[in-house]
């Protein structure tokens, strides 16, 4: 209960001290709680029903809909406040920020941000270009108790240039056509904002689509050590050895100094050549301590124009080539951090399915933006709450091979704290909630 108070009170301070601002601050924190409480999906009508039934609010439907579509919610300040509430955000003296994009399928033809985006994970009986929103998102990778988790930090809607040039209704906000921005520029802007807030080194963990010079150049090629990349290496990319140092007494060759050493070949050629030199490392990977066969070497990429550490991870007849611009990382750290990258995919599932962003059919641009902000902040709030618990939550539904707690277990704990009769004393609400056995029965059913 007091953990919720310590997390929600700073968010209320970001609103104005006027009567309207104080009212919106209360609506805001209880809307977040309504999203976290695991009763139903977080569509606007269900949120209003939860506020009325569970928390005792008496809000007219039209006023709540106007609140969910308002343009005055201070999201920039709210997100920075939430970032400051994250306990111990560093992992090995650096921020692990994971970057990826996802699509959110919709059915309405006039939903803001929608277009026919390619779905690389579509099944044989599904269209490869569903009507959906494309979202570029970043999150903080950190260990919460004994498991890795992804805490959403920010997002941006990506829209295709052809839709913007055609002035489609899906690309309009407040009657104006939005400005086209590439995914790389959107990602770089969000990462810069994270660095400006924390002022700590950022290691960007991403897949091979983002892990290239398109992002690296927009991050000012590391900005003097402020940023580093950790990504997967394409198998056809060419690697070069470091330039050999000149020994004393050796006459330097004519012409400009060499930038690259001997050509080593493609990443695939090197994987075959170095397999016999691979060593066994003990790595905490996917929730267990595992023995991994790997080989590492420092090389140079012409595309990034800087030295990188490449790690080839072997498994039977297959391999994965990883690289990072942070030469101070060990082989174990590189493998573990990249393995934790999968948590952003689990985070997308938490946002879309468990919190319920995918089921929302809001159409107005500000309503769409507010709803996804609520969903992401509710997810971050849940993980921050879990991190502040004194003991690790128990897993309610046991699964073979998974001993750590789940996202739903934390939501159940928050729901019990938020629906406690004494919660109104620490987070005042407009009216007294009728606590009855019906609510407790629902909690047991949906938990």
Protein backbone atom coordinates (compact mmCIF):
# COMPACT_ATOMS: atom_id res chain seq x y z
CA UNK A 1 0.00 0.00 0.00
CA UNK A 2 2.73 2.45 0.96
CA UNK A 3 4.78 1.44 -2.08
CA UNK A 4 1.86 2.53 -4.26
CA UNK A 5 1.66 5.82 -2.39
CA UNK A 6 5.39 6.47 -2.90
CA UNK A 7 5.03 5.74 -6.63
CA UNK A 8 1.79 7.59 -7.35
CA UNK A 9 2.27 10.75 -5.29
CA UNK A 10 5.25 12.08 -7.34
CA UNK A 11 3.18 11.61 -10.51
CA UNK A 12 0.43 13.80 -9.05
CA UNK A 13 2.94 16.59 -8.45
CA UNK A 14 3.43 16.94 -12.23
CA UNK A 15 -0.06 18.40 -12.57
CA UNK A 16 -0.97 22.02 -11.91
CA UNK A 17 -2.19 23.13 -8.48
CA UNK A 18 -5.44 24.50 -9.86
CA UNK A 19 -8.75 22.86 -9.01
CA UNK A 20 -8.92 21.25 -12.45
CA UNK A 21 -5.28 20.13 -12.22
CA UNK A 22 -5.82 18.46 -8.83
CA UNK A 23 -8.90 16.67 -10.14
CA UNK A 24 -7.02 15.39 -13.19
CA UNK A 25 -4.12 14.22 -11.02
CA UNK A 26 -6.51 11.99 -9.06
CA UNK A 27 -8.17 10.69 -12.21
CA UNK A 28 -4.74 10.01 -13.71
CA UNK A 29 -3.35 7.81 -10.93
CA UNK A 30 -6.58 5.85 -10.54
CA UNK A 31 -6.79 5.29 -14.30
CA UNK A 32 -3.29 3.80 -14.08
CA UNK A 33 -4.48 1.54 -11.27
CA UNK A 34 -7.58 0.55 -13.25
CA UNK A 35 -5.26 -0.63 -16.03
CA UNK A 36 -3.09 -2.62 -13.65
CA UNK A 37 -5.97 -4.31 -11.82
CA UNK A 38 -6.51 -7.58 -13.76
CA UNK A 39 -10.27 -7.52 -14.31
CA UNK A 40 -10.68 -6.77 -18.01
CA UNK A 41 -8.96 -5.18 -21.00
CA UNK A 42 -8.11 -1.50 -20.73
CA UNK A 43 -10.51 -0.10 -23.33
CA UNK A 44 -11.96 3.24 -22.28
CA UNK A 45 -15.42 1.92 -21.37
CA UNK A 46 -13.92 -0.78 -19.14
CA UNK A 47 -11.64 1.73 -17.43
CA UNK A 48 -14.64 3.92 -16.63
CA UNK A 49 -16.53 0.90 -15.34
CA UNK A 50 -13.57 -0.05 -13.10
CA UNK A 51 -13.31 3.47 -11.72
CA UNK A 52 -17.00 3.51 -10.88
CA UNK A 53 -17.32 -0.04 -9.55
CA UNK A 54 -14.00 -0.69 -7.85
CA UNK A 55 -12.83 2.76 -6.76
CA UNK A 56 -16.15 4.53 -6.17
CA UNK A 57 -15.72 7.33 -8.70
CA UNK A 58 -18.77 9.21 -9.96
CA UNK A 59 -17.59 10.42 -13.36
CA UNK A 60 -19.94 11.23 -16.25
CA UNK A 61 -19.06 9.19 -19.32
CA UNK A 62 -18.54 12.20 -21.58
CA UNK A 63 -16.18 13.90 -19.11
CA UNK A 64 -14.05 10.77 -18.76
CA UNK A 65 -13.88 10.34 -22.54
CA UNK A 66 -12.76 13.98 -22.83
CA UNK A 67 -10.11 13.32 -20.19
CA UNK A 68 -8.77 10.30 -22.11
CA UNK A 69 -8.55 12.39 -25.31
CA UNK A 70 -7.19 15.59 -23.79
CA UNK A 71 -4.12 17.35 -25.17
CA UNK A 72 -3.00 18.73 -21.79
CA UNK A 73 -1.68 15.64 -20.01
CA UNK A 74 2.01 16.42 -19.22
CA UNK A 75 3.40 13.14 -20.56
CA UNK A 76 6.95 14.45 -20.95
CA UNK A 77 7.18 15.40 -17.26
CA UNK A 78 5.29 12.28 -16.17
CA UNK A 79 7.69 9.96 -17.99
CA UNK A 80 10.73 11.64 -16.51
CA UNK A 81 9.22 11.35 -13.06
CA UNK A 82 8.60 7.65 -13.68
CA UNK A 83 12.21 7.23 -14.86
CA UNK A 84 13.39 8.78 -11.58
CA UNK A 85 11.29 6.28 -9.60
CA UNK A 86 13.13 3.26 -11.05
CA UNK A 87 15.38 1.86 -8.29
CA UNK A 88 18.99 1.08 -9.27
CA UNK A 89 18.58 1.52 -13.05
CA UNK A 90 22.24 0.68 -13.77
CA UNK A 91 23.52 -2.75 -14.75
CA UNK A 92 27.30 -3.07 -14.46
CA UNK A 93 27.67 0.76 -14.41
CA UNK A 94 25.61 1.35 -17.57
CA UNK A 95 22.00 1.75 -18.66
CA UNK A 96 20.81 -1.20 -20.74
CA UNK A 97 18.23 0.30 -23.10
CA UNK A 98 16.55 -2.14 -25.48
CA UNK A 99 15.14 -0.89 -28.79
CA UNK A 100 12.65 -2.51 -31.15
CA UNK A 101 9.38 -1.89 -32.97
CA UNK A 102 6.04 -3.71 -32.98
CA UNK A 103 2.70 -3.54 -34.74
CA UNK A 104 -0.69 -3.16 -33.07
CA UNK A 105 -3.47 -4.55 -35.32
CA UNK A 106 -6.68 -2.49 -35.47
CA UNK A 107 -10.04 -2.74 -37.24
CA UNK A 108 -11.21 0.88 -37.55
CA UNK A 109 -10.38 2.53 -40.87
CA UNK A 110 -9.89 5.98 -39.34
CA UNK A 111 -7.66 5.04 -36.43
CA UNK A 112 -4.69 7.38 -36.04
CA UNK A 113 -1.32 5.96 -37.07
CA UNK A 114 -2.75 2.97 -38.94
CA UNK A 115 -1.43 1.65 -42.22
CA UNK A 116 -0.62 -1.60 -43.97
CA UNK A 117 2.64 -2.45 -42.20
CA UNK A 118 4.56 -5.65 -42.82
CA UNK A 119 4.23 -8.33 -40.15
CA UNK A 120 7.33 -10.57 -40.28
CA UNK A 121 5.74 -12.92 -37.73
CA UNK A 122 2.51 -13.52 -39.66
CA UNK A 123 1.23 -17.09 -40.03
CA UNK A 124 0.43 -18.82 -43.33
CA UNK A 125 -3.28 -18.12 -42.91
CA UNK A 126 -2.74 -14.42 -42.05
CA UNK A 127 -2.03 -11.42 -44.22
CA UNK A 128 1.56 -10.19 -44.28
CA UNK A 129 0.40 -6.56 -44.30
CA UNK A 130 -2.30 -6.19 -41.62
CA UNK A 131 -4.07 -2.92 -40.91
CA UNK A 132 -2.16 -1.82 -37.83
CA UNK A 133 -0.15 0.80 -36.00
CA UNK A 134 3.64 0.63 -36.07
CA UNK A 135 5.28 1.66 -32.80
CA UNK A 136 8.99 2.23 -32.17
CA UNK A 137 9.64 1.65 -28.46
CA UNK A 138 12.52 1.68 -26.01
CA UNK A 139 12.70 0.05 -22.58
CA UNK A 140 15.09 -0.38 -19.70
CA UNK A 141 16.55 -3.86 -19.24
CA UNK A 142 17.20 -4.63 -15.59
CA UNK A 143 17.01 -7.51 -13.18
CA UNK A 144 13.89 -7.35 -11.01
CA UNK A 145 14.59 -9.65 -8.09
CA UNK A 146 15.93 -12.83 -9.78
CA UNK A 147 14.70 -12.29 -13.35
CA UNK A 148 15.26 -9.94 -16.26
CA UNK A 149 12.46 -7.53 -17.14
CA UNK A 150 11.83 -4.77 -19.68
CA UNK A 151 10.47 -1.48 -18.30
CA UNK A 152 8.96 0.67 -21.11
CA UNK A 153 10.52 4.14 -21.25
CA UNK A 154 9.06 5.83 -24.33
CA UNK A 155 7.55 5.21 -27.75
CA UNK A 156 6.80 6.91 -31.06
CA UNK A 157 4.30 6.14 -33.82
CA UNK A 158 5.94 5.46 -37.17
CA UNK A 159 3.96 6.39 -40.28
CA UNK A 160 4.83 5.65 -43.87
CA UNK A 161 5.92 8.56 -46.02
CA UNK A 162 3.43 7.70 -48.77
CA UNK A 163 0.52 7.95 -46.30
CA UNK A 164 1.72 11.34 -45.09
CA UNK A 165 2.19 12.65 -48.63
CA UNK A 166 -1.29 11.40 -49.53
CA UNK A 167 -2.64 13.40 -46.53
CA UNK A 168 -4.65 10.47 -45.25
CA UNK A 169 -6.88 10.94 -42.23
CA UNK A 170 -4.79 8.41 -40.28
CA UNK A 171 -1.80 10.77 -40.49
CA UNK A 172 -3.56 13.86 -39.11
CA UNK A 173 -3.31 15.27 -35.63
CA UNK A 174 -5.39 18.29 -34.62
CA UNK A 175 -6.25 18.69 -38.29
CA UNK A 176 -2.59 18.94 -39.35
CA UNK A 177 -0.53 16.37 -41.24
CA UNK A 178 2.24 14.96 -39.07
CA UNK A 179 5.88 15.32 -40.09
CA UNK A 180 7.56 12.25 -41.53
CA UNK A 181 10.35 10.76 -39.43
CA UNK A 182 12.29 7.59 -40.06
CA UNK A 183 12.45 4.84 -37.45
CA UNK A 184 16.15 5.55 -36.96
CA UNK A 185 15.61 9.25 -36.24
CA UNK A 186 12.72 8.47 -33.86
CA UNK A 187 14.85 5.94 -32.00
CA UNK A 188 17.82 8.31 -31.78
CA UNK A 189 15.62 11.12 -30.40
CA UNK A 190 14.22 8.88 -27.65
CA UNK A 191 17.66 7.54 -26.73
CA UNK A 192 19.08 11.07 -26.54
CA UNK A 193 16.26 12.02 -24.16
CA UNK A 194 17.10 9.08 -21.88
CA UNK A 195 20.77 10.08 -21.80
CA UNK A 196 19.92 13.74 -21.12
CA UNK A 197 17.84 12.65 -18.12
CA UNK A 198 20.19 10.12 -16.50
CA UNK A 199 23.53 11.47 -17.75
CA UNK A 200 24.92 7.94 -17.62
CA UNK A 201 26.45 5.68 -20.32
CA UNK A 202 23.77 3.97 -22.43
CA UNK A 203 24.23 0.54 -24.02
CA UNK A 204 21.62 0.15 -26.76
CA UNK A 205 20.65 -3.51 -27.14
CA UNK A 206 18.84 -4.19 -30.39
CA UNK A 207 18.49 -6.53 -33.32
CA UNK A 208 20.40 -6.27 -36.60
CA UNK A 209 17.75 -4.03 -38.21
CA UNK A 210 18.57 -1.14 -35.85
CA UNK A 211 22.13 -2.18 -34.98
CA UNK A 212 23.94 -0.49 -37.86
CA UNK A 213 25.28 2.86 -39.01
CA UNK A 214 21.75 4.19 -39.59
CA UNK A 215 21.36 4.48 -35.82
CA UNK A 216 25.03 4.83 -34.90
CA UNK A 217 25.52 7.93 -37.07
CA UNK A 218 22.43 9.59 -35.55
CA UNK A 219 23.88 8.98 -32.09
CA UNK A 220 26.95 11.02 -33.09
CA UNK A 221 28.93 7.76 -33.33
CA UNK A 222 28.77 7.19 -29.61
CA UNK A 223 28.95 10.83 -28.53
CA UNK A 224 32.32 10.33 -26.88
CA UNK A 225 31.38 7.17 -24.98
CA UNK A 226 27.84 8.20 -24.03
CA UNK A 227 26.35 5.51 -26.29
CA UNK A 228 27.36 1.99 -27.28
CA UNK A 229 25.66 -0.63 -29.44
CA UNK A 230 25.11 -4.32 -28.75
CA UNK A 231 23.50 -6.15 -31.62
CA UNK A 232 23.56 -9.16 -33.89
CA UNK A 233 26.00 -9.20 -36.79
CA UNK A 234 24.81 -9.95 -40.29
CA UNK A 235 26.53 -13.05 -41.69
CA UNK A 236 27.56 -11.39 -44.98
CA UNK A 237 29.21 -8.32 -43.48
CA UNK A 238 32.97 -8.00 -44.00
CA UNK A 239 35.33 -7.77 -41.03
CA UNK A 240 38.83 -6.30 -40.93
CA UNK A 241 41.67 -6.79 -38.50
CA UNK A 242 43.05 -3.93 -36.40
CA UNK A 243 45.86 -1.88 -37.87
CA UNK A 244 49.15 -3.36 -36.57
CA UNK A 245 51.10 -1.04 -34.32
CA UNK A 246 54.39 0.29 -35.61
CA UNK A 247 57.36 -1.15 -33.71
CA UNK A 248 60.25 1.06 -32.70
CA UNK A 249 62.77 1.47 -35.49
CA UNK A 250 60.30 0.48 -38.21
CA UNK A 251 60.07 2.95 -41.06
CA UNK A 252 56.52 4.13 -41.65
CA UNK A 253 55.19 3.54 -45.18
CA UNK A 254 54.48 6.38 -47.56
CA UNK A 255 51.04 7.88 -47.87
CA UNK A 256 48.30 8.32 -45.30
CA UNK A 257 48.10 5.91 -42.33
CA UNK A 258 46.00 2.81 -42.74
CA UNK A 259 42.53 2.80 -41.18
CA UNK A 260 41.91 -0.93 -41.52
CA UNK A 261 44.10 -3.96 -41.16
CA UNK A 262 44.00 -7.24 -43.06
CA UNK A 263 40.68 -8.36 -44.49
CA UNK A 264 39.37 -11.26 -42.40
CA UNK A 265 36.39 -12.15 -44.58
CA UNK A 266 32.69 -12.26 -43.86
CA UNK A 267 31.25 -13.03 -40.44
CA UNK A 268 30.19 -16.42 -41.78
CA UNK A 269 33.72 -17.23 -43.02
CA UNK A 270 35.20 -16.21 -39.67
CA UNK A 271 32.68 -18.36 -37.77
CA UNK A 272 33.93 -21.43 -39.61
CA UNK A 273 37.60 -20.52 -39.21
CA UNK A 274 37.41 -19.74 -35.48
CA UNK A 275 35.20 -22.62 -34.30
CA UNK A 276 38.19 -24.76 -33.29
CA UNK A 277 39.44 -21.93 -31.04
CA UNK A 278 36.13 -21.53 -29.18
CA UNK A 279 36.06 -21.80 -25.39
CA UNK A 280 33.36 -22.67 -22.89
CA UNK A 281 31.86 -19.85 -20.80
CA UNK A 282 29.38 -19.99 -17.92
CA UNK A 283 26.58 -17.51 -18.66
CA UNK A 284 23.30 -16.64 -16.93
CA UNK A 285 21.02 -17.05 -19.95
CA UNK A 286 17.24 -17.36 -20.11
CA UNK A 287 16.87 -17.75 -16.36
CA UNK A 288 19.55 -20.41 -15.86
CA UNK A 289 23.30 -20.71 -15.59
CA UNK A 290 24.36 -22.34 -18.85
CA UNK A 291 27.58 -23.52 -20.49
CA UNK A 292 28.10 -21.70 -23.79
CA UNK A 293 30.72 -22.34 -26.48
CA UNK A 294 32.00 -19.02 -27.89
CA UNK A 295 34.95 -17.24 -29.47
CA UNK A 296 35.71 -13.51 -29.39
CA UNK A 297 37.91 -11.14 -31.36
CA UNK A 298 38.25 -7.37 -31.71
CA UNK A 299 37.85 -6.27 -35.33
CA UNK A 300 36.83 -3.20 -37.34
CA UNK A 301 33.67 -2.55 -39.33
CA UNK A 302 33.88 -0.16 -42.26
CA UNK A 303 30.20 0.72 -41.83
CA UNK A 304 30.59 1.86 -38.19
CA UNK A 305 34.14 3.11 -38.71
CA UNK A 306 35.22 1.98 -35.23
CA UNK A 307 36.61 -1.10 -33.48
CA UNK A 308 34.07 -3.68 -32.29
CA UNK A 309 34.18 -6.83 -30.23
CA UNK A 310 32.62 -9.77 -32.06
CA UNK A 311 31.46 -12.90 -30.22
CA UNK A 312 30.58 -16.04 -32.17
CA UNK A 313 28.28 -18.26 -30.09
CA UNK A 314 28.19 -21.88 -31.30
CA UNK A 315 25.47 -24.45 -30.78
CA UNK A 316 25.81 -27.77 -32.61
CA UNK A 317 25.93 -26.91 -36.33
CA UNK A 318 24.62 -23.34 -35.88
CA UNK A 319 26.07 -20.10 -34.59
CA UNK A 320 25.10 -16.53 -33.74
CA UNK A 321 27.48 -13.60 -34.28
CA UNK A 322 27.10 -10.73 -31.79
CA UNK A 323 29.01 -7.47 -31.72
CA UNK A 324 29.37 -4.44 -29.48
CA UNK A 325 31.16 -1.12 -29.70
CA UNK A 326 31.85 -1.30 -25.94
CA UNK A 327 35.20 -3.09 -25.84
CA UNK A 328 35.08 -3.22 -22.03
CA UNK A 329 32.30 -5.82 -22.02
CA UNK A 330 33.25 -9.42 -21.31
CA UNK A 331 32.05 -12.37 -23.37
CA UNK A 332 29.67 -13.40 -20.57
CA UNK A 333 28.15 -9.91 -20.40
CA UNK A 334 27.67 -9.68 -24.17
CA UNK A 335 25.86 -13.01 -24.36
CA UNK A 336 23.74 -12.39 -21.24
CA UNK A 337 22.71 -8.85 -22.23
CA UNK A 338 21.76 -9.87 -25.76
CA UNK A 339 19.86 -12.87 -24.41
CA UNK A 340 17.92 -10.48 -22.16
CA UNK A 341 16.90 -8.52 -25.27
CA UNK A 342 14.07 -11.01 -25.75
CA UNK A 343 12.34 -9.41 -22.75
CA UNK A 344 11.21 -6.52 -24.92
CA UNK A 345 9.15 -9.03 -26.92
CA UNK A 346 7.61 -10.24 -23.65
CA UNK A 347 7.04 -6.57 -22.81
CA UNK A 348 5.12 -6.04 -26.05
CA UNK A 349 2.88 -8.96 -25.07
CA UNK A 350 2.30 -7.44 -21.64
CA UNK A 351 1.33 -4.09 -23.19
CA UNK A 352 -0.84 -5.43 -25.99
CA UNK A 353 -2.51 -8.48 -24.48
CA UNK A 354 -2.28 -8.36 -20.68
CA UNK A 355 -2.75 -4.60 -20.20
CA UNK A 356 -4.97 -4.55 -23.28
CA UNK A 357 -3.60 -1.96 -25.71
CA UNK A 358 -4.43 -4.16 -28.73
CA UNK A 359 -8.14 -4.18 -27.90
CA UNK A 360 -8.50 -0.40 -27.78
CA UNK A 361 -10.25 1.09 -30.82
CA UNK A 362 -9.82 4.79 -30.06
CA UNK A 363 -9.53 6.83 -33.26
CA UNK A 364 -8.67 10.39 -32.27
CA UNK A 365 -4.92 11.04 -32.44
CA UNK A 366 -4.65 12.36 -28.87
CA UNK A 367 -6.87 9.58 -27.51
CA UNK A 368 -4.68 6.97 -29.25
CA UNK A 369 -1.49 8.59 -27.93
CA UNK A 370 -2.86 8.93 -24.38
CA UNK A 371 -4.11 5.36 -24.24
CA UNK A 372 -0.78 3.85 -25.32
CA UNK A 373 1.04 6.13 -22.85
CA UNK A 374 -1.25 4.87 -20.09
CA UNK A 375 -0.64 1.24 -21.10
CA UNK A 376 3.15 1.63 -21.17
CA UNK A 377 3.32 3.59 -17.93
CA UNK A 378 1.08 1.02 -16.21
CA UNK A 379 3.52 -1.70 -17.31
CA UNK A 380 6.50 0.26 -15.99
CA UNK A 381 4.66 0.99 -12.74
CA UNK A 382 4.03 -2.73 -12.26
CA UNK A 383 7.69 -3.66 -12.65
CA UNK A 384 8.88 -0.79 -10.43
CA UNK A 385 6.44 -1.97 -7.76
CA UNK A 386 7.84 -5.51 -8.05
CA UNK A 387 11.38 -4.21 -7.70
CA UNK A 388 10.48 -2.36 -4.49
CA UNK A 389 8.95 -5.39 -2.80
CA UNK A 390 11.01 -6.78 0.07
CA UNK A 391 10.58 -10.39 -1.03
CA UNK A 392 10.19 -12.00 -4.41
CA UNK A 393 6.53 -12.69 -5.32
CA UNK A 394 5.41 -16.29 -5.54
CA UNK A 395 4.43 -17.70 -8.90
CA UNK A 396 0.72 -18.47 -8.78
CA UNK A 397 0.58 -20.78 -11.80
CA UNK A 398 3.53 -23.16 -11.74
CA UNK A 399 5.11 -24.01 -15.09
CA UNK A 400 7.83 -26.58 -15.58
CA UNK A 401 11.15 -24.87 -16.15
CA UNK A 402 9.92 -21.46 -14.91
CA UNK A 403 10.45 -20.77 -11.24
CA UNK A 404 10.48 -16.96 -11.29
CA UNK A 405 7.36 -14.87 -10.80
CA UNK A 406 5.26 -13.59 -13.70
CA UNK A 407 3.91 -10.16 -14.65
CA UNK A 408 0.39 -11.26 -13.66
CA UNK A 409 1.57 -12.15 -10.15
CA UNK A 410 2.66 -8.56 -9.53
CA UNK A 411 -0.62 -7.20 -10.94
CA UNK A 412 -2.52 -9.36 -8.45
CA UNK A 413 -0.47 -7.98 -5.53
CA UNK A 414 -1.06 -4.38 -6.69
CA UNK A 415 -4.78 -5.06 -7.06
CA UNK A 416 -5.00 -6.34 -3.48
CA UNK A 417 -3.19 -3.23 -2.21
CA UNK A 418 -5.24 -0.77 -4.31
CA UNK A 419 -8.57 -2.34 -3.30
CA UNK A 420 -7.71 -2.43 0.39
CA UNK A 421 -10.25 -0.44 2.47
CA UNK A 422 -7.42 1.61 4.00
CA UNK A 423 -5.90 2.62 0.65
CA UNK A 424 -8.05 5.78 0.52
CA UNK A 425 -6.20 7.13 3.55
CA UNK A 426 -2.87 7.19 1.68
CA UNK A 427 -4.27 8.05 -1.78
CA UNK A 428 -7.53 10.00 -1.24
CA UNK A 429 -10.29 9.42 -3.77
CA UNK A 430 -13.54 11.29 -4.29
CA UNK A 431 -15.94 8.83 -2.66
CA UNK A 432 -15.90 5.82 -0.38
CA UNK A 433 -15.64 2.52 -2.23
CA UNK A 434 -18.01 -0.22 -1.17
CA UNK A 435 -15.72 -3.15 -0.39
CA UNK A 436 -17.71 -6.35 -0.59
CA UNK A 437 -17.22 -10.04 -1.11
CA UNK A 438 -18.13 -9.67 -4.79
CA UNK A 439 -14.92 -7.74 -5.52
CA UNK A 440 -12.82 -10.20 -3.55
CA UNK A 441 -14.41 -13.06 -5.47
CA UNK A 442 -13.55 -11.39 -8.78
CA UNK A 443 -9.94 -10.97 -7.62
CA UNK A 444 -9.66 -14.69 -6.91
CA UNK A 445 -11.19 -15.54 -10.31
CA UNK A 446 -9.00 -13.33 -12.50
CA UNK A 447 -5.70 -13.60 -10.61
